[in-house]
Amino acid sequence: MPSGQFPSGWFVFYSSSLAPADELSKKDWLDILSRFPQLEVYRGAGLWAAVNMDKDQMHNAILELVQLCPKLRQLDHCEFHDKRHNWKRIVIIREGLDGENVRYEIQKPPPRYVFYLYLYRVCNLFVIRQ
C-alpha cells in the first residue's frame, strides 16, 4: 500500500469549519479523496467550492473521481433540500458486467437521521472504518 493511504476508510465527511474549502483546488481534492481506495460516500462541499459551484466543472470532477475511487457511490450535491434539511445527493450508478459504464443522478436526501446530526455536531471531520 502506498504511503499516505487509508485502506479501510469508506466514508469521509468534510466540514468547512475546519478549514475554508475554497483554499483547496480541484486537483487537491482529487488527490485527498484518491487516498481512500475504499471510499463509498463523501459528504461536504469542498469539491464544489474548488470548482466555484460550476456544474459543468463538477461533472468533470465527478468523472475523474469515479476513476480514482472505484467504489464511490454517493456524494453531496450543491443544492439544499429544505424539507429534508440536508443536501441533495449525487448517486453514482455503474452498469455493465464490470461496471464500465458510469452515470450519475441527483436525488433528494433520505429523511433526517439523528446519528448524522450527532456526528456533525461532535466531529467536524470523521472517517468511519469497517
Protein backbone atom coordinates (compact mmCIF):
# COMPACT_ATOMS: atom_id res chain seq x y z
CA MET A 1 0.00 0.00 0.00
CA PRO A 2 1.38 3.42 -0.93
CA SER A 3 2.27 5.78 1.90
CA GLY A 4 -0.48 8.17 2.95
CA GLN A 5 -3.42 5.94 2.03
CA PHE A 6 -6.33 4.96 4.24
CA PRO A 7 -7.18 1.43 3.10
CA SER A 8 -10.37 0.86 5.07
CA GLY A 9 -11.98 4.32 5.15
CA TRP A 10 -15.25 4.17 3.25
CA PHE A 11 -17.00 7.35 4.45
CA VAL A 12 -15.44 10.83 4.55
CA PHE A 13 -17.13 13.96 5.88
CA TYR A 14 -15.60 17.40 5.47
CA SER A 15 -16.79 20.44 7.38
CA SER A 16 -15.77 23.91 6.26
CA SER A 17 -15.41 24.90 9.91
CA LEU A 18 -12.05 23.05 9.90
CA ALA A 19 -10.54 24.94 7.00
CA PRO A 20 -12.10 27.00 4.23
CA ALA A 21 -12.92 24.61 1.39
CA ASP A 22 -12.09 27.21 -1.26
CA GLU A 23 -8.41 27.14 -0.27
CA LEU A 24 -8.03 23.73 -1.93
CA SER A 25 -8.07 23.23 -5.69
CA LYS A 26 -9.91 20.52 -7.58
CA LYS A 27 -6.58 18.75 -8.01
CA ASP A 28 -6.00 18.89 -4.22
CA TRP A 29 -9.44 17.42 -3.51
CA LEU A 30 -8.99 14.63 -6.05
CA ASP A 31 -5.60 13.83 -4.52
CA ILE A 32 -7.03 13.76 -0.99
CA LEU A 33 -10.05 11.62 -1.87
CA SER A 34 -7.99 9.21 -4.00
CA ARG A 35 -6.13 8.24 -0.81
CA PHE A 36 -9.29 6.41 0.26
CA PRO A 37 -9.39 3.46 -2.18
CA GLN A 38 -12.46 2.03 -0.41
CA LEU A 39 -14.31 5.37 -0.42
CA GLU A 40 -18.03 4.89 -0.98
CA VAL A 41 -19.54 8.10 0.42
CA TYR A 42 -18.17 11.65 0.52
CA ARG A 43 -20.09 14.34 2.39
CA GLY A 44 -19.21 18.01 2.20
CA ALA A 45 -18.92 20.92 -0.20
CA GLY A 46 -15.15 21.02 -0.59
CA LEU A 47 -15.08 19.74 -4.16
CA TRP A 48 -17.94 22.08 -5.12
CA ALA A 49 -16.05 25.06 -3.68
CA ALA A 50 -12.95 24.05 -5.64
CA VAL A 51 -14.90 24.28 -8.92
CA ASN A 52 -16.67 27.51 -7.88
CA MET A 53 -20.07 25.79 -7.77
CA ASP A 54 -19.89 25.32 -11.56
CA LYS A 55 -21.97 22.29 -12.57
CA ASP A 56 -20.03 21.66 -15.80
CA GLN A 57 -16.72 21.61 -13.94
CA MET A 58 -18.27 19.43 -11.25
CA HIS A 59 -19.43 16.99 -13.92
CA ASN A 60 -15.80 16.59 -15.00
CA ALA A 61 -14.66 16.29 -11.37
CA ILE A 62 -17.20 13.52 -10.74
CA LEU A 63 -16.00 11.59 -13.79
CA GLU A 64 -12.39 11.89 -12.57
CA LEU A 65 -13.34 10.94 -9.02
CA VAL A 66 -15.16 7.74 -10.02
CA GLN A 67 -11.97 6.61 -11.75
CA LEU A 68 -9.83 7.38 -8.69
CA CYS A 69 -12.34 5.90 -6.23
CA PRO A 70 -13.87 2.86 -7.96
CA LYS A 71 -16.21 2.10 -5.05
CA LEU A 72 -17.65 5.63 -4.80
CA ARG A 73 -21.42 5.50 -4.81
CA GLN A 74 -22.56 8.85 -3.37
CA LEU A 75 -21.51 12.45 -2.73
CA ASP A 76 -23.26 15.68 -1.83
CA HIS A 77 -24.83 17.97 -4.43
CA CYS A 78 -24.68 21.77 -4.16
CA GLU A 79 -28.45 22.19 -3.79
CA PHE A 80 -30.08 22.04 -0.37
CA HIS A 81 -33.38 20.21 0.14
CA ASP A 82 -35.31 22.45 2.55
CA LYS A 83 -37.99 19.96 3.52
CA ARG A 84 -35.45 17.27 4.50
CA HIS A 85 -32.91 19.73 5.90
CA ASN A 86 -30.00 18.21 4.01
CA TRP A 87 -28.07 18.38 0.76
CA LYS A 88 -29.31 16.58 -2.31
CA ARG A 89 -27.25 13.52 -3.28
CA ILE A 90 -25.26 12.65 -6.37
CA VAL A 91 -25.74 8.90 -6.72
CA ILE A 92 -23.18 7.03 -8.84
CA ILE A 93 -24.60 4.22 -10.97
CA ARG A 94 -22.29 1.64 -12.50
CA GLU A 95 -23.67 -0.56 -15.26
CA GLY A 96 -22.27 -3.40 -17.33
CA LEU A 97 -20.55 -6.61 -16.30
CA ASP A 98 -17.57 -4.83 -14.74
CA GLY A 99 -19.26 -1.50 -14.04
CA GLU A 100 -17.54 0.02 -17.05
CA ASN A 101 -20.48 2.31 -17.83
CA VAL A 102 -20.80 5.03 -15.23
CA ARG A 103 -23.52 7.62 -14.89
CA TYR A 104 -24.98 9.57 -12.01
CA GLU A 105 -28.25 11.11 -10.98
CA ILE A 106 -29.33 13.74 -8.47
CA GLN A 107 -31.66 12.50 -5.72
CA LYS A 108 -33.31 14.09 -2.73
CA PRO A 109 -31.72 13.18 0.58
CA PRO A 110 -33.17 10.49 2.82
CA PRO A 111 -35.21 11.54 5.87
CA ARG A 112 -33.14 13.12 8.64
CA TYR A 113 -31.01 10.83 10.74
CA VAL A 114 -30.28 11.70 14.36
CA PHE A 115 -26.96 9.80 14.17
CA TYR A 116 -25.62 12.07 11.42
CA LEU A 117 -26.71 15.19 13.29
CA TYR A 118 -24.86 13.99 16.39
CA LEU A 119 -21.68 13.25 14.45
CA TYR A 120 -21.89 16.56 12.63
CA ARG A 121 -22.04 18.48 15.90
CA VAL A 122 -19.44 16.40 17.74
CA CYS A 123 -16.91 15.70 14.96
CA ASN A 124 -16.37 18.19 12.17
CA LEU A 125 -14.35 15.68 10.18
CA PHE A 126 -14.53 11.95 10.55
CA VAL A 127 -13.82 8.74 8.73
CA ILE A 128 -15.83 5.63 9.54
CA ARG A 129 -13.83 2.42 9.22
CA GLN A 130 -15.21 -1.03 8.59
